[in-house]
């Protein structure tokens, strides 16, 4: 899959994961990328099958941070 397709897919999965966790902005704790990554690899491992200079996990975490509003951590 190309990187742009993976980005769209991972961002959509992040929103789905947040909804499943009940963490749609109401929790005081920051949602965990590690938990999301485990969920993603179990549900859709192909979403992380793309080429990236920094690595698919790094890009996925950046997109996840963007969706969850955690870019301040970078």
PDB file of N, CA and C in Angstrom:
ATOM      1  N   UNK A   1       0.854  -1.161   0.000  1.00  0.00           N
ATOM      2  CA  UNK A   1       0.000   0.000   0.000  1.00  0.00           C
ATOM      3  C   UNK A   1       0.903   1.228   0.000  1.00  0.00           C
ATOM      4  N   UNK A   2       0.431   2.288  -0.591  1.00  0.00           N
ATOM      5  CA  UNK A   2       1.218   3.522  -0.581  1.00  0.00           C
ATOM      6  C   UNK A   2       0.982   4.270   0.729  1.00  0.00           C
ATOM      7  N   UNK A   3       1.924   5.138   1.043  1.00  0.00           N
ATOM      8  CA  UNK A   3       1.915   5.844   2.333  1.00  0.00           C
ATOM      9  C   UNK A   3       0.627   6.642   2.554  1.00  0.00           C
ATOM     10  N   UNK A   4       0.158   7.330   1.539  1.00  0.00           N
ATOM     11  CA  UNK A   4      -1.065   8.149   1.684  1.00  0.00           C
ATOM     12  C   UNK A   4      -2.280   7.283   2.014  1.00  0.00           C
ATOM     13  N   UNK A   5      -2.388   6.126   1.376  1.00  0.00           N
ATOM     14  CA  UNK A   5      -3.499   5.216   1.680  1.00  0.00           C
ATOM     15  C   UNK A   5      -3.401   4.721   3.130  1.00  0.00           C
ATOM     16  N   UNK A   6      -2.183   4.424   3.567  1.00  0.00           N
ATOM     17  CA  UNK A   6      -1.978   3.978   4.944  1.00  0.00           C
ATOM     18  C   UNK A   6      -2.360   5.079   5.928  1.00  0.00           C
ATOM     19  N   UNK A   7      -2.008   6.315   5.602  1.00  0.00           N
ATOM     20  CA  UNK A   7      -2.356   7.426   6.487  1.00  0.00           C
ATOM     21  C   UNK A   7      -3.862   7.544   6.676  1.00  0.00           C
ATOM     22  N   UNK A   8      -4.592   7.497   5.603  1.00  0.00           N
ATOM     23  CA  UNK A   8      -6.055   7.593   5.669  1.00  0.00           C
ATOM     24  C   UNK A   8      -6.620   6.447   6.502  1.00  0.00           C
ATOM     25  N   UNK A   9      -6.106   5.256   6.256  1.00  0.00           N
ATOM     26  CA  UNK A   9      -6.589   4.068   6.952  1.00  0.00           C
ATOM     27  C   UNK A   9      -6.281   4.141   8.449  1.00  0.00           C
ATOM     28  N   UNK A  10      -5.063   4.537   8.803  1.00  0.00           N
ATOM     29  CA  UNK A  10      -4.667   4.589  10.215  1.00  0.00           C
ATOM     30  C   UNK A  10      -5.413   5.690  10.955  1.00  0.00           C
ATOM     31  N   UNK A  11      -5.602   6.835  10.324  1.00  0.00           N
ATOM     32  CA  UNK A  11      -6.380   7.904  10.962  1.00  0.00           C
ATOM     33  C   UNK A  11      -7.816   7.451  11.229  1.00  0.00           C
ATOM     34  N   UNK A  12      -8.409   6.756  10.280  1.00  0.00           N
ATOM     35  CA  UNK A  12      -9.776   6.250  10.463  1.00  0.00           C
ATOM     36  C   UNK A  12      -9.814   5.224  11.598  1.00  0.00           C
ATOM     37  N   UNK A  13      -8.816   4.348  11.636  1.00  0.00           N
ATOM     38  CA  UNK A  13      -8.741   3.358  12.714  1.00  0.00           C
ATOM     39  C   UNK A  13      -8.551   4.032  14.071  1.00  0.00           C
ATOM     40  N   UNK A  14      -7.780   5.098  14.110  1.00  0.00           N
ATOM     41  CA  UNK A  14      -7.575   5.813  15.378  1.00  0.00           C
ATOM     42  C   UNK A  14      -8.905   6.354  15.903  1.00  0.00           C
ATOM     43  N   UNK A  15      -9.713   6.897  15.019  1.00  0.00           N
ATOM     44  CA  UNK A  15     -11.029   7.397  15.434  1.00  0.00           C
ATOM     45  C   UNK A  15     -11.922   6.256  15.920  1.00  0.00           C
ATOM     46  N   UNK A  16     -11.873   5.128  15.204  1.00  0.00           N
ATOM     47  CA  UNK A  16     -12.655   3.959  15.621  1.00  0.00           C
ATOM     48  C   UNK A  16     -12.202   3.462  16.986  1.00  0.00           C
ATOM     49  N   UNK A  17     -10.887   3.403  17.184  1.00  0.00           N
ATOM     50  CA  UNK A  17     -10.338   2.935  18.454  1.00  0.00           C
ATOM     51  C   UNK A  17     -10.744   3.857  19.602  1.00  0.00           C
ATOM     52  N   UNK A  18     -10.669   5.161  19.367  1.00  0.00           N
ATOM     53  CA  UNK A  18     -11.079   6.113  20.399  1.00  0.00           C
ATOM     54  C   UNK A  18     -12.544   5.923  20.777  1.00  0.00           C
ATOM     55  N   UNK A  19     -13.387   5.719  19.779  1.00  0.00           N
ATOM     56  CA  UNK A  19     -14.809   5.507  20.044  1.00  0.00           C
ATOM     57  C   UNK A  19     -15.023   4.227  20.853  1.00  0.00           C
ATOM     58  N   UNK A  20     -14.296   3.177  20.508  1.00  0.00           N
ATOM     59  CA  UNK A  20     -14.406   1.916  21.255  1.00  0.00           C
ATOM     60  C   UNK A  20     -13.928   2.069  22.694  1.00  0.00           C
ATOM     61  N   UNK A  21     -12.915   2.871  22.901  1.00  0.00           N
ATOM     62  CA  UNK A  21     -12.362   3.072  24.234  1.00  0.00           C
ATOM     63  C   UNK A  21     -13.202   4.027  25.070  1.00  0.00           C
ATOM     64  N   UNK A  22     -14.127   4.731  24.430  1.00  0.00           N
ATOM     65  CA  UNK A  22     -14.913   5.721  25.147  1.00  0.00           C
ATOM     66  C   UNK A  22     -14.069   6.930  25.505  1.00  0.00           C
ATOM     67  N   UNK A  23     -13.009   7.162  24.749  1.00  0.00           N
ATOM     68  CA  UNK A  23     -12.068   8.242  25.054  1.00  0.00           C
ATOM     69  C   UNK A  23     -12.172   9.357  24.024  1.00  0.00           C
ATOM     70  N   UNK A  24     -13.355   9.634  23.594  1.00  0.00           N
ATOM     71  CA  UNK A  24     -13.540  10.652  22.560  1.00  0.00           C
ATOM     72  C   UNK A  24     -13.419  12.052  23.152  1.00  0.00           C
ATOM     73  N   UNK A  25     -12.284  12.314  23.781  1.00  0.00           N
ATOM     74  CA  UNK A  25     -12.022  13.637  24.332  1.00  0.00           C
ATOM     75  C   UNK A  25     -12.563  13.861  25.728  1.00  0.00           C
ATOM     76  N   UNK A  26     -13.131  12.839  26.357  1.00  0.00           N
ATOM     77  CA  UNK A  26     -13.706  13.042  27.679  1.00  0.00           C
ATOM     78  C   UNK A  26     -12.774  12.585  28.795  1.00  0.00           C
ATOM     79  N   UNK A  27     -11.757  11.804  28.472  1.00  0.00           N
ATOM     80  CA  UNK A  27     -10.845  11.283  29.482  1.00  0.00           C
ATOM     81  C   UNK A  27      -9.777  12.311  29.824  1.00  0.00           C
ATOM     82  N   UNK A  28      -9.350  12.310  31.080  1.00  0.00           N
ATOM     83  CA  UNK A  28      -8.263  13.205  31.470  1.00  0.00           C
ATOM     84  C   UNK A  28      -6.912  12.578  31.149  1.00  0.00           C
ATOM     85  N   UNK A  29      -6.872  11.272  30.968  1.00  0.00           N
ATOM     86  CA  UNK A  29      -5.638  10.595  30.595  1.00  0.00           C
ATOM     87  C   UNK A  29      -5.461  10.644  29.081  1.00  0.00           C
ATOM     88  N   UNK A  30      -4.215  10.837  28.655  1.00  0.00           N
ATOM     89  CA  UNK A  30      -3.920  10.839  27.225  1.00  0.00           C
ATOM     90  C   UNK A  30      -4.041   9.408  26.699  1.00  0.00           C
ATOM     91  N   UNK A  31      -4.744   9.226  25.595  1.00  0.00           N
ATOM     92  CA  UNK A  31      -4.863   7.888  25.019  1.00  0.00           C
ATOM     93  C   UNK A  31      -3.478   7.344  24.647  1.00  0.00           C
ATOM     94  N   UNK A  32      -3.272   6.076  24.859  1.00  0.00           N
ATOM     95  CA  UNK A  32      -1.976   5.438  24.661  1.00  0.00           C
ATOM     96  C   UNK A  32      -1.783   4.949  23.232  1.00  0.00           C
ATOM     97  N   UNK A  33      -0.679   5.369  22.605  1.00  0.00           N
ATOM     98  CA  UNK A  33      -0.369   4.855  21.277  1.00  0.00           C
ATOM     99  C   UNK A  33      -0.032   3.375  21.331  1.00  0.00           C
ATOM    100  N   UNK A  34       0.634   2.940  22.372  1.00  0.00           N
ATOM    101  CA  UNK A  34       0.992   1.523  22.484  1.00  0.00           C
ATOM    102  C   UNK A  34      -0.251   0.637  22.489  1.00  0.00           C
ATOM    103  N   UNK A  35      -1.268   1.062  23.207  1.00  0.00           N
ATOM    104  CA  UNK A  35      -2.526   0.301  23.221  1.00  0.00           C
ATOM    105  C   UNK A  35      -3.178   0.312  21.848  1.00  0.00           C
ATOM    106  N   UNK A  36      -3.172   1.481  21.208  1.00  0.00           N
ATOM    107  CA  UNK A  36      -3.727   1.576  19.861  1.00  0.00           C
ATOM    108  C   UNK A  36      -2.944   0.695  18.895  1.00  0.00           C
ATOM    109  N   UNK A  37      -1.621   0.705  18.992  1.00  0.00           N
ATOM    110  CA  UNK A  37      -0.786  -0.084  18.087  1.00  0.00           C
ATOM    111  C   UNK A  37      -1.096  -1.573  18.235  1.00  0.00           C
ATOM    112  N   UNK A  38      -1.246  -2.045  19.452  1.00  0.00           N
ATOM    113  CA  UNK A  38      -1.593  -3.450  19.683  1.00  0.00           C
ATOM    114  C   UNK A  38      -2.953  -3.775  19.070  1.00  0.00           C
ATOM    115  N   UNK A  39      -3.905  -2.867  19.259  1.00  0.00           N
ATOM    116  CA  UNK A  39      -5.253  -3.038  18.688  1.00  0.00           C
ATOM    117  C   UNK A  39      -5.179  -3.064  17.164  1.00  0.00           C
ATOM    118  N   UNK A  40      -4.406  -2.143  16.598  1.00  0.00           N
ATOM    119  CA  UNK A  40      -4.291  -2.039  15.143  1.00  0.00           C
ATOM    120  C   UNK A  40      -3.638  -3.274  14.541  1.00  0.00           C
ATOM    121  N   UNK A  41      -2.559  -3.750  15.141  1.00  0.00           N
ATOM    122  CA  UNK A  41      -1.892  -4.924  14.583  1.00  0.00           C
ATOM    123  C   UNK A  41      -2.751  -6.176  14.693  1.00  0.00           C
ATOM    124  N   UNK A  42      -3.622  -6.232  15.686  1.00  0.00           N
ATOM    125  CA  UNK A  42      -4.539  -7.365  15.804  1.00  0.00           C
ATOM    126  C   UNK A  42      -5.688  -7.262  14.805  1.00  0.00           C
ATOM    127  N   UNK A  43      -6.161  -6.050  14.570  1.00  0.00           N
ATOM    128  CA  UNK A  43      -7.324  -5.844  13.716  1.00  0.00           C
ATOM    129  C   UNK A  43      -6.976  -5.702  12.240  1.00  0.00           C
ATOM    130  N   UNK A  44      -5.930  -4.945  11.935  1.00  0.00           N
ATOM    131  CA  UNK A  44      -5.596  -4.657  10.540  1.00  0.00           C
ATOM    132  C   UNK A  44      -4.084  -4.514  10.374  1.00  0.00           C
ATOM    133  N   UNK A  45      -3.341  -5.616  10.464  1.00  0.00           N
ATOM    134  CA  UNK A  45      -1.883  -5.525  10.380  1.00  0.00           C
ATOM    135  C   UNK A  45      -1.387  -4.970   9.047  1.00  0.00           C
ATOM    136  N   UNK A  46      -2.157  -5.119   8.000  1.00  0.00           N
ATOM    137  CA  UNK A  46      -1.754  -4.608   6.686  1.00  0.00           C
ATOM    138  C   UNK A  46      -1.692  -3.080   6.656  1.00  0.00           C
ATOM    139  N   UNK A  47      -2.341  -2.424   7.602  1.00  0.00           N
ATOM    140  CA  UNK A  47      -2.320  -0.957   7.645  1.00  0.00           C
ATOM    141  C   UNK A  47      -0.915  -0.430   7.885  1.00  0.00           C
ATOM    142  N   UNK A  48      -0.055  -1.246   8.471  1.00  0.00           N
ATOM    143  CA  UNK A  48       1.326  -0.830   8.752  1.00  0.00           C
ATOM    144  C   UNK A  48       2.312  -1.348   7.704  1.00  0.00           C
ATOM    145  N   UNK A  49       1.782  -1.825   6.597  1.00  0.00           N
ATOM    146  CA  UNK A  49       2.623  -2.371   5.532  1.00  0.00           C
ATOM    147  C   UNK A  49       2.794  -1.340   4.417  1.00  0.00           C
ATOM    148  N   UNK A  50       3.655  -0.363   4.673  1.00  0.00           N
ATOM    149  CA  UNK A  50       3.965   0.657   3.683  1.00  0.00           C
ATOM    150  C   UNK A  50       5.402   1.111   3.881  1.00  0.00           C
ATOM    151  N   UNK A  51       5.970   1.705   2.857  1.00  0.00           N
ATOM    152  CA  UNK A  51       7.352   2.170   2.934  1.00  0.00           C
ATOM    153  C   UNK A  51       7.405   3.562   3.535  1.00  0.00           C
ATOM    154  N   UNK A  52       8.411   3.755   4.381  1.00  0.00           N
ATOM    155  CA  UNK A  52       8.568   5.032   5.055  1.00  0.00           C
ATOM    156  C   UNK A  52      10.033   5.210   5.436  1.00  0.00           C
ATOM    157  N   UNK A  53      10.538   6.408   5.306  1.00  0.00           N
ATOM    158  CA  UNK A  53      11.923   6.684   5.688  1.00  0.00           C
ATOM    159  C   UNK A  53      12.092   6.517   7.198  1.00  0.00           C
ATOM    160  N   UNK A  54      11.186   7.071   7.968  1.00  0.00           N
ATOM    161  CA  UNK A  54      11.270   6.993   9.428  1.00  0.00           C
ATOM    162  C   UNK A  54      10.770   5.658   9.967  1.00  0.00           C
ATOM    163  N   UNK A  55       9.986   4.945   9.190  1.00  0.00           N
ATOM    164  CA  UNK A  55       9.415   3.667   9.605  1.00  0.00           C
ATOM    165  C   UNK A  55       7.906   3.779   9.775  1.00  0.00           C
ATOM    166  N   UNK A  56       7.188   2.736   9.423  1.00  0.00           N
ATOM    167  CA  UNK A  56       5.729   2.764   9.518  1.00  0.00           C
ATOM    168  C   UNK A  56       5.203   3.052  10.922  1.00  0.00           C
ATOM    169  N   UNK A  57       5.835   2.485  11.942  1.00  0.00           N
ATOM    170  CA  UNK A  57       5.353   2.724  13.312  1.00  0.00           C
ATOM    171  C   UNK A  57       5.504   4.199  13.684  1.00  0.00           C
ATOM    172  N   UNK A  58       6.617   4.817  13.308  1.00  0.00           N
ATOM    173  CA  UNK A  58       6.838   6.231  13.608  1.00  0.00           C
ATOM    174  C   UNK A  58       5.767   7.097  12.931  1.00  0.00           C
ATOM    175  N   UNK A  59       5.531   6.845  11.657  1.00  0.00           N
ATOM    176  CA  UNK A  59       4.506   7.613  10.936  1.00  0.00           C
ATOM    177  C   UNK A  59       3.123   7.377  11.530  1.00  0.00           C
ATOM    178  N   UNK A  60       2.823   6.124  11.865  1.00  0.00           N
ATOM    179  CA  UNK A  60       1.520   5.811  12.457  1.00  0.00           C
ATOM    180  C   UNK A  60       1.336   6.551  13.773  1.00  0.00           C
ATOM    181  N   UNK A  61       2.390   6.633  14.561  1.00  0.00           N
ATOM    182  CA  UNK A  61       2.294   7.352  15.833  1.00  0.00           C
ATOM    183  C   UNK A  61       2.092   8.847  15.609  1.00  0.00           C
ATOM    184  N   UNK A  62       2.737   9.403  14.600  1.00  0.00           N
ATOM    185  CA  UNK A  62       2.557  10.829  14.285  1.00  0.00           C
ATOM    186  C   UNK A  62       1.108  11.107  13.868  1.00  0.00           C
ATOM    187  N   UNK A  63       0.555  10.243  13.042  1.00  0.00           N
ATOM    188  CA  UNK A  63      -0.844  10.424  12.616  1.00  0.00           C
ATOM    189  C   UNK A  63      -1.793  10.233  13.796  1.00  0.00           C
ATOM    190  N   UNK A  64      -1.494   9.262  14.632  1.00  0.00           N
ATOM    191  CA  UNK A  64      -2.295   9.019  15.836  1.00  0.00           C
ATOM    192  C   UNK A  64      -2.256  10.249  16.750  1.00  0.00           C
ATOM    193  N   UNK A  65      -1.066  10.798  16.959  1.00  0.00           N
ATOM    194  CA  UNK A  65      -0.939  11.995  17.793  1.00  0.00           C
ATOM    195  C   UNK A  65      -1.746  13.153  17.218  1.00  0.00           C
ATOM    196  N   UNK A  66      -1.756  13.265  15.910  1.00  0.00           N
ATOM    197  CA  UNK A  66      -2.518  14.330  15.265  1.00  0.00           C
ATOM    198  C   UNK A  66      -4.017  14.142  15.510  1.00  0.00           C
ATOM    199  N   UNK A  67      -4.495  12.919  15.343  1.00  0.00           N
ATOM    200  CA  UNK A  67      -5.924  12.625  15.539  1.00  0.00           C
ATOM    201  C   UNK A  67      -6.340  12.853  16.988  1.00  0.00           C
ATOM    202  N   UNK A  68      -5.476  12.474  17.931  1.00  0.00           N
ATOM    203  CA  UNK A  68      -5.819  12.568  19.352  1.00  0.00           C
ATOM    204  C   UNK A  68      -5.420  13.892  19.985  1.00  0.00           C
ATOM    205  N   UNK A  69      -4.837  14.786  19.203  1.00  0.00           N
ATOM    206  CA  UNK A  69      -4.459  16.088  19.724  1.00  0.00           C
ATOM    207  C   UNK A  69      -3.253  16.029  20.656  1.00  0.00           C
ATOM    208  N   UNK A  70      -2.359  15.083  20.421  1.00  0.00           N
ATOM    209  CA  UNK A  70      -1.200  14.916  21.289  1.00  0.00           C
ATOM    210  C   UNK A  70       0.105  15.329  20.599  1.00  0.00           C
ATOM    211  N   UNK A  71       0.019  16.197  19.617  1.00  0.00           N
ATOM    212  CA  UNK A  71       1.221  16.635  18.924  1.00  0.00           C
ATOM    213  C   UNK A  71       2.178  17.389  19.848  1.00  0.00           C
ATOM    214  N   UNK A  72       1.702  17.881  20.961  1.00  0.00           N
ATOM    215  CA  UNK A  72       2.554  18.593  21.912  1.00  0.00           C
ATOM    216  C   UNK A  72       3.655  17.686  22.463  1.00  0.00           C
ATOM    217  N   UNK A  73       3.453  16.357  22.372  1.00  0.00           N
ATOM    218  CA  UNK A  73       4.451  15.425  22.885  1.00  0.00           C
ATOM    219  C   UNK A  73       5.679  15.343  21.990  1.00  0.00           C
ATOM    220  N   UNK A  74       5.583  15.795  20.777  1.00  0.00           N
ATOM    221  CA  UNK A  74       6.692  15.655  19.822  1.00  0.00           C
ATOM    222  C   UNK A  74       7.634  16.819  19.904  1.00  0.00           C
TER     223      UNK A  74
END
